[in-house]
Amino acid sequence: MSEPIPPTGPELTQGVPFGDIPDGGMLVGQAAGEPVLLVRRGQDVWAVAAACGHWGAPLADGIVVDC
């Protein structure tokens, strides 16, 4: 199991410019002190926990496939 991911990046509850999230890419931020990963495909954006629920590994180290 990985060490917990510390919250980094912008406070997402304050909003983030859409252009800061690359199309097909990710942006790591935080919401209320919890690490969050934003994933964008075209005009759609998803927010998920920044760590794998099974092993705690950082999802930002992976790749985006078929959102």
N, C-alpha and C. Protein backbone atom coordinates (compact mmCIF):
# COMPACT_ATOMS: atom_id res chain seq x y z
N MET A 1 0.83 -1.17 0.00
CA MET A 1 0.00 0.00 0.00
C MET A 1 0.88 1.25 0.00
N SER A 2 0.47 2.26 -0.73
CA SER A 2 1.22 3.51 -0.83
C SER A 2 0.94 4.42 0.36
N GLU A 3 1.86 5.37 0.57
CA GLU A 3 1.64 6.40 1.58
C GLU A 3 0.47 7.28 1.13
N PRO A 4 -0.27 7.85 2.06
CA PRO A 4 -1.37 8.75 1.66
C PRO A 4 -0.84 9.92 0.83
N ILE A 5 -1.63 10.33 -0.14
CA ILE A 5 -1.26 11.44 -1.00
C ILE A 5 -1.59 12.75 -0.28
N PRO A 6 -0.61 13.61 -0.09
CA PRO A 6 -0.92 14.90 0.55
C PRO A 6 -1.67 15.80 -0.42
N PRO A 7 -2.59 16.61 0.09
CA PRO A 7 -3.29 17.53 -0.81
C PRO A 7 -2.33 18.57 -1.38
N THR A 8 -2.36 18.74 -2.69
CA THR A 8 -1.54 19.74 -3.37
C THR A 8 -2.38 20.39 -4.46
N GLY A 9 -1.83 21.38 -5.09
CA GLY A 9 -2.51 22.01 -6.21
C GLY A 9 -3.59 22.98 -5.76
N PRO A 10 -4.37 23.46 -6.73
CA PRO A 10 -5.36 24.48 -6.43
C PRO A 10 -6.50 23.95 -5.56
N GLU A 11 -7.11 24.86 -4.80
CA GLU A 11 -8.32 24.54 -4.04
C GLU A 11 -9.48 24.56 -5.02
N LEU A 12 -9.97 23.40 -5.39
CA LEU A 12 -10.94 23.26 -6.46
C LEU A 12 -12.32 23.79 -6.10
N THR A 13 -12.62 23.92 -4.80
CA THR A 13 -13.91 24.47 -4.42
C THR A 13 -14.01 25.95 -4.78
N GLN A 14 -12.87 26.58 -5.08
CA GLN A 14 -12.85 27.99 -5.51
C GLN A 14 -13.01 28.11 -7.02
N GLY A 15 -13.03 26.96 -7.71
CA GLY A 15 -13.13 26.95 -9.16
C GLY A 15 -11.74 26.95 -9.79
N VAL A 16 -11.68 26.52 -11.02
CA VAL A 16 -10.42 26.48 -11.76
C VAL A 16 -10.75 26.78 -13.22
N PRO A 17 -9.94 27.58 -13.90
CA PRO A 17 -10.22 27.86 -15.32
C PRO A 17 -10.25 26.57 -16.14
N PHE A 18 -11.28 26.44 -16.98
CA PHE A 18 -11.44 25.24 -17.79
C PHE A 18 -10.18 24.95 -18.60
N GLY A 19 -9.53 25.98 -19.11
CA GLY A 19 -8.33 25.82 -19.92
C GLY A 19 -7.14 25.27 -19.15
N ASP A 20 -7.20 25.30 -17.81
CA ASP A 20 -6.10 24.75 -17.00
C ASP A 20 -6.09 23.22 -17.00
N ILE A 21 -7.20 22.62 -17.45
CA ILE A 21 -7.28 21.16 -17.52
C ILE A 21 -7.09 20.77 -18.99
N PRO A 22 -5.97 20.15 -19.33
CA PRO A 22 -5.74 19.83 -20.75
C PRO A 22 -6.74 18.78 -21.25
N ASP A 23 -7.21 18.95 -22.48
CA ASP A 23 -8.12 17.97 -23.08
C ASP A 23 -7.41 16.62 -23.14
N GLY A 24 -8.02 15.60 -22.58
CA GLY A 24 -7.42 14.27 -22.52
C GLY A 24 -6.44 14.12 -21.37
N GLY A 25 -6.37 15.13 -20.52
CA GLY A 25 -5.40 15.11 -19.44
C GLY A 25 -6.02 15.25 -18.07
N MET A 26 -5.17 15.52 -17.10
CA MET A 26 -5.57 15.56 -15.70
C MET A 26 -5.01 16.79 -15.01
N LEU A 27 -5.66 17.15 -13.92
CA LEU A 27 -5.18 18.21 -13.04
C LEU A 27 -5.40 17.75 -11.61
N VAL A 28 -4.34 17.75 -10.82
CA VAL A 28 -4.44 17.37 -9.41
C VAL A 28 -4.67 18.64 -8.60
N GLY A 29 -5.64 18.57 -7.72
CA GLY A 29 -5.95 19.68 -6.83
C GLY A 29 -6.45 19.14 -5.51
N GLN A 30 -7.17 19.97 -4.80
CA GLN A 30 -7.73 19.55 -3.52
C GLN A 30 -9.09 20.20 -3.31
N ALA A 31 -9.90 19.54 -2.52
CA ALA A 31 -11.21 20.08 -2.13
C ALA A 31 -11.35 19.84 -0.63
N ALA A 32 -11.41 20.92 0.11
CA ALA A 32 -11.55 20.83 1.56
C ALA A 32 -10.45 19.96 2.18
N GLY A 33 -9.23 20.07 1.65
CA GLY A 33 -8.10 19.33 2.20
C GLY A 33 -7.95 17.91 1.71
N GLU A 34 -8.83 17.45 0.84
CA GLU A 34 -8.75 16.10 0.28
C GLU A 34 -8.18 16.17 -1.13
N PRO A 35 -7.20 15.31 -1.47
CA PRO A 35 -6.66 15.31 -2.83
C PRO A 35 -7.70 14.85 -3.86
N VAL A 36 -7.80 15.60 -4.95
CA VAL A 36 -8.79 15.33 -5.99
C VAL A 36 -8.10 15.37 -7.34
N LEU A 37 -8.55 14.53 -8.25
CA LEU A 37 -8.03 14.49 -9.61
C LEU A 37 -9.16 14.88 -10.56
N LEU A 38 -8.92 15.90 -11.38
CA LEU A 38 -9.86 16.26 -12.44
C LEU A 38 -9.37 15.66 -13.75
N VAL A 39 -10.29 15.08 -14.50
CA VAL A 39 -9.97 14.46 -15.79
C VAL A 39 -10.89 15.10 -16.83
N ARG A 40 -10.31 15.51 -17.96
CA ARG A 40 -11.11 16.17 -19.00
C ARG A 40 -11.04 15.41 -20.31
N ARG A 41 -12.20 15.30 -20.95
CA ARG A 41 -12.34 14.82 -22.33
C ARG A 41 -13.28 15.76 -23.04
N GLY A 42 -12.75 16.55 -23.96
CA GLY A 42 -13.59 17.52 -24.67
C GLY A 42 -14.17 18.52 -23.70
N GLN A 43 -15.49 18.62 -23.68
CA GLN A 43 -16.19 19.56 -22.80
C GLN A 43 -16.59 18.93 -21.47
N ASP A 44 -16.29 17.65 -21.27
CA ASP A 44 -16.66 16.94 -20.04
C ASP A 44 -15.49 16.89 -19.07
N VAL A 45 -15.80 17.10 -17.79
CA VAL A 45 -14.80 17.03 -16.74
C VAL A 45 -15.34 16.14 -15.62
N TRP A 46 -14.51 15.24 -15.13
CA TRP A 46 -14.86 14.36 -14.01
C TRP A 46 -13.92 14.65 -12.85
N ALA A 47 -14.44 14.56 -11.64
CA ALA A 47 -13.63 14.70 -10.43
C ALA A 47 -13.68 13.37 -9.67
N VAL A 48 -12.50 12.85 -9.34
CA VAL A 48 -12.41 11.59 -8.60
C VAL A 48 -11.36 11.75 -7.50
N ALA A 49 -11.39 10.86 -6.54
CA ALA A 49 -10.34 10.85 -5.52
C ALA A 49 -9.00 10.68 -6.22
N ALA A 50 -7.97 11.35 -5.73
CA ALA A 50 -6.67 11.34 -6.39
C ALA A 50 -5.88 10.06 -6.16
N ALA A 51 -6.36 9.20 -5.26
CA ALA A 51 -5.64 7.95 -4.96
C ALA A 51 -6.51 6.74 -5.27
N CYS A 52 -5.88 5.67 -5.69
CA CYS A 52 -6.56 4.40 -5.92
C CYS A 52 -7.19 3.94 -4.60
N GLY A 53 -8.45 3.55 -4.65
CA GLY A 53 -9.14 3.09 -3.45
C GLY A 53 -8.61 1.79 -2.90
N HIS A 54 -7.93 0.99 -3.72
CA HIS A 54 -7.42 -0.30 -3.28
C HIS A 54 -6.03 -0.20 -2.66
N TRP A 55 -5.13 0.49 -3.35
CA TRP A 55 -3.73 0.52 -2.92
C TRP A 55 -3.24 1.90 -2.50
N GLY A 56 -4.05 2.93 -2.75
CA GLY A 56 -3.64 4.27 -2.37
C GLY A 56 -2.65 4.92 -3.32
N ALA A 57 -2.39 4.26 -4.45
CA ALA A 57 -1.43 4.81 -5.43
C ALA A 57 -2.01 6.05 -6.10
N PRO A 58 -1.17 7.01 -6.46
CA PRO A 58 -1.66 8.23 -7.10
C PRO A 58 -2.17 7.97 -8.52
N LEU A 59 -3.43 8.27 -8.77
CA LEU A 59 -4.02 8.03 -10.08
C LEU A 59 -3.42 8.94 -11.15
N ALA A 60 -2.89 10.09 -10.76
CA ALA A 60 -2.27 11.01 -11.73
C ALA A 60 -1.03 10.41 -12.37
N ASP A 61 -0.48 9.37 -11.78
CA ASP A 61 0.68 8.69 -12.38
C ASP A 61 0.28 7.73 -13.49
N GLY A 62 -1.04 7.54 -13.67
CA GLY A 62 -1.52 6.64 -14.70
C GLY A 62 -1.85 7.37 -15.98
N ILE A 63 -2.63 6.73 -16.83
CA ILE A 63 -3.04 7.33 -18.10
C ILE A 63 -4.57 7.38 -18.16
N VAL A 64 -5.09 8.27 -18.98
CA VAL A 64 -6.52 8.40 -19.18
C VAL A 64 -6.92 7.53 -20.36
N VAL A 65 -7.88 6.63 -20.13
CA VAL A 65 -8.36 5.74 -21.19
C VAL A 65 -9.87 5.69 -21.16
N ASP A 66 -10.51 5.97 -22.28
CA ASP A 66 -11.97 5.83 -22.43
C ASP A 66 -12.81 6.37 -21.29
N CYS A 67 -12.77 7.67 -21.12
CA CYS A 67 -13.64 8.31 -20.11
C CYS A 67 -15.06 8.29 -20.61
